[in-house]
Amino acid sequence: MTHPANGLDDVVHQRVRLGILAIAQQARRVEFGFLRASLELTAGNLSQHLAVLEKAGLVEIEKGYAGKRGRTWIHLTPAGKHALHSEIAQLKRLIGQVEQAAAAARAEAGGSAETGGPAETGGPAETGGPAETGSPAEARGPAEARGAAEARGPAESPARPGGLSPCC
């Protein structure tokens, strides 16, 4: 069985081209300026990506006028729609395989694949589990008797397993 990453299409998978196809898929046609602004590109950069997609037969480019102003519209071809849907299907397979491997690693480490048991959360000692929830005389020293959150400090509060801050 080949790895799902091998099924990704190099023409489609590039970030900007995937964005072009995704945006164009949502409408009958999309204006060049809208794509440029949405994807935060220069006109020249967008033109080069459109040329690659057009050469591959995934988009058609239509030039015309809206009033006296020249306009360029892009729309997906049937091949473009198929390529986008195939790319999304491959990405889903890749994500599924990664999630499966992560679940197997958690299970092997003693955690639960569904709940993210001790292997994912760092175990009872780090998360305020059973060793810290008993009476002060049972499992805590004098510093911990003042309160679990106080003893651990803000960096290791139960809301942040392993002492990670919310930004990490």
Protein backbone atom coordinates (compact mmCIF):
# COMPACT_ATOMS: atom_id res chain seq x y z
CA MET A 1 0.00 0.00 0.00
CA THR A 2 1.44 3.39 -0.93
CA HIS A 3 1.48 6.28 1.48
CA PRO A 4 -1.38 8.81 1.00
CA ALA A 5 1.14 11.63 0.54
CA ASN A 6 2.21 9.98 -2.73
CA GLY A 7 -1.27 10.63 -4.12
CA LEU A 8 -1.10 14.40 -3.69
CA ASP A 9 -1.00 16.29 -7.00
CA ASP A 10 1.95 18.69 -7.17
CA VAL A 11 0.04 21.09 -9.42
CA VAL A 12 -2.97 21.27 -7.10
CA HIS A 13 -1.31 20.86 -3.72
CA GLN A 14 0.74 24.06 -3.81
CA ARG A 15 -0.86 26.46 -1.28
CA VAL A 16 -1.79 29.26 -3.70
CA ARG A 17 -3.10 26.94 -6.42
CA LEU A 18 -5.14 24.97 -3.89
CA GLY A 19 -6.55 28.29 -2.68
CA ILE A 20 -7.42 29.37 -6.23
CA LEU A 21 -9.25 26.11 -6.90
CA ALA A 22 -11.07 26.24 -3.55
CA ILE A 23 -12.26 29.81 -4.10
CA ALA A 24 -13.19 29.26 -7.74
CA GLN A 25 -15.15 26.15 -6.80
CA GLN A 26 -17.53 28.27 -4.73
CA ALA A 27 -18.82 30.38 -7.64
CA ARG A 28 -19.54 30.08 -11.34
CA ARG A 29 -16.58 32.38 -11.98
CA VAL A 30 -14.32 34.55 -9.86
CA GLU A 31 -12.70 37.87 -10.71
CA PHE A 32 -8.91 38.14 -10.80
CA GLY A 33 -8.85 41.07 -8.35
CA PHE A 34 -10.93 39.15 -5.84
CA LEU A 35 -8.53 36.20 -5.99
CA ARG A 36 -5.52 38.50 -5.67
CA ALA A 37 -6.96 40.21 -2.58
CA SER A 38 -8.29 37.00 -0.99
CA LEU A 39 -4.99 35.15 -1.35
CA GLU A 40 -2.88 38.25 -0.61
CA LEU A 41 -0.80 37.95 -3.78
CA THR A 42 0.73 40.30 -6.28
CA ALA A 43 -0.86 40.37 -9.71
CA GLY A 44 2.26 38.82 -11.25
CA ASN A 45 2.39 35.98 -8.73
CA LEU A 46 -1.29 35.18 -9.21
CA SER A 47 -0.86 35.28 -12.99
CA GLN A 48 1.92 32.71 -12.84
CA HIS A 49 -0.14 30.32 -10.71
CA LEU A 50 -3.14 30.76 -13.00
CA ALA A 51 -0.94 29.96 -16.00
CA VAL A 52 0.11 26.66 -14.37
CA LEU A 53 -3.52 25.76 -13.63
CA GLU A 54 -4.65 26.77 -17.12
CA LYS A 55 -1.89 24.73 -18.78
CA ALA A 56 -2.98 21.71 -16.70
CA GLY A 57 -6.57 22.25 -17.90
CA LEU A 58 -7.91 22.92 -14.41
CA VAL A 59 -9.13 26.48 -14.97
CA GLU A 60 -10.23 28.60 -17.88
CA ILE A 61 -9.42 32.29 -18.02
CA GLU A 62 -11.87 34.69 -19.63
CA LYS A 63 -10.97 38.27 -20.41
CA GLY A 64 -13.55 40.93 -21.02
CA TYR A 65 -14.90 44.27 -19.93
CA ALA A 66 -17.14 45.44 -17.14
CA GLY A 67 -18.08 48.89 -18.37
CA LYS A 68 -14.88 50.43 -19.68
CA ARG A 69 -12.61 48.47 -17.35
CA GLY A 70 -10.83 45.33 -18.43
CA ARG A 71 -11.57 42.31 -16.27
CA THR A 72 -10.27 38.77 -16.00
CA TRP A 73 -12.48 35.99 -14.71
CA ILE A 74 -11.47 32.49 -13.76
CA HIS A 75 -13.65 29.43 -13.58
CA LEU A 76 -13.00 25.77 -12.89
CA THR A 77 -13.18 23.21 -15.64
CA PRO A 78 -14.72 19.81 -14.91
CA ALA A 79 -11.13 18.51 -14.65
CA GLY A 80 -10.39 21.25 -12.10
CA LYS A 81 -13.37 20.24 -9.96
CA HIS A 82 -12.28 16.61 -10.14
CA ALA A 83 -8.66 17.49 -9.24
CA LEU A 84 -9.79 19.56 -6.25
CA HIS A 85 -12.06 16.81 -4.93
CA SER A 86 -9.34 14.18 -5.46
CA GLU A 87 -6.83 16.32 -3.57
CA ILE A 88 -9.24 16.76 -0.67
CA ALA A 89 -9.88 13.00 -0.58
CA GLN A 90 -6.12 12.31 -0.47
CA LEU A 91 -5.66 14.85 2.32
CA LYS A 92 -8.44 13.16 4.30
CA ARG A 93 -6.72 9.77 3.85
CA LEU A 94 -3.42 11.28 4.98
CA ILE A 95 -5.03 12.84 8.05
CA GLY A 96 -6.75 9.55 8.86
CA GLN A 97 -3.45 7.68 8.70
CA VAL A 98 -1.73 10.24 10.94
CA GLU A 99 -4.58 10.07 13.47
CA GLN A 100 -4.45 6.27 13.42
CA ALA A 101 -0.72 6.29 14.11
CA ALA A 102 -1.19 8.80 16.95
CA ALA A 103 -3.94 6.66 18.50
CA ALA A 104 -1.73 3.57 18.28
CA ALA A 105 1.15 5.43 19.94
CA ARG A 106 -1.14 6.60 22.76
CA ALA A 107 -2.47 3.08 23.27
CA GLU A 108 1.07 1.66 23.30
CA ALA A 109 2.11 4.22 25.92
CA GLY A 110 -0.78 3.22 28.18
CA GLY A 111 -3.24 5.96 27.28
CA SER A 112 -6.62 5.58 25.74
CA ALA A 113 -6.96 6.40 22.05
CA GLU A 114 -10.42 7.86 22.64
CA THR A 115 -9.88 9.84 25.80
CA GLY A 116 -6.20 10.70 25.59
CA GLY A 117 -5.46 9.05 28.92
CA PRO A 118 -2.29 9.41 30.96
CA ALA A 119 0.08 9.23 28.00
CA GLU A 120 -1.41 12.36 26.46
CA THR A 121 -2.05 14.41 29.59
CA GLY A 122 1.14 13.61 31.43
CA GLY A 123 -0.39 11.32 34.05
CA PRO A 124 -1.88 11.98 37.47
CA ALA A 125 1.14 13.70 38.98
CA GLU A 126 1.08 16.50 36.42
CA THR A 127 -2.64 16.99 35.95
CA GLY A 128 -4.04 16.93 39.44
CA GLY A 129 -5.08 13.28 39.23
CA PRO A 130 -5.64 10.87 42.12
CA ALA A 131 -2.30 11.53 43.84
CA GLU A 132 -3.25 15.17 44.33
CA THR A 133 -6.95 14.87 45.02
CA GLY A 134 -6.81 12.93 48.29
CA SER A 135 -6.72 14.49 51.76
CA PRO A 136 -3.66 16.60 52.66
CA ALA A 137 -2.29 13.87 54.93
CA GLU A 138 -2.56 11.16 52.27
CA ALA A 139 -0.45 12.26 49.34
CA ARG A 140 0.62 15.86 49.68
CA GLY A 141 3.49 17.46 51.47
CA PRO A 142 3.15 20.70 53.47
CA ALA A 143 3.37 22.95 50.41
CA GLU A 144 0.65 21.02 48.59
CA ALA A 145 -1.63 21.03 51.63
CA ARG A 146 -2.29 24.74 51.00
CA GLY A 147 -4.09 23.83 47.78
CA ALA A 148 -3.22 22.02 44.60
CA ALA A 149 -3.35 25.09 42.36
CA GLU A 150 -1.26 27.15 44.77
CA ALA A 151 1.38 24.43 45.11
CA ARG A 152 1.68 23.87 41.37
CA GLY A 153 1.60 27.54 40.51
CA PRO A 154 -0.08 29.06 37.50
CA ALA A 155 2.13 27.33 34.93
CA GLU A 156 0.90 23.87 35.89
CA SER A 157 -2.78 24.48 36.54
CA PRO A 158 -5.15 21.63 35.58
CA ALA A 159 -6.34 23.67 32.58
CA ARG A 160 -2.83 23.52 31.13
CA PRO A 161 -1.51 19.92 31.36
CA GLY A 162 2.23 19.62 31.57
CA GLY A 163 2.69 23.30 32.38
CA LEU A 164 2.20 24.53 28.82
CA SER A 165 0.83 27.99 28.34
CA PRO A 166 -2.31 28.33 26.19
CA CYS A 167 -0.30 29.77 23.31
CA CYS A 168 1.89 26.67 22.87
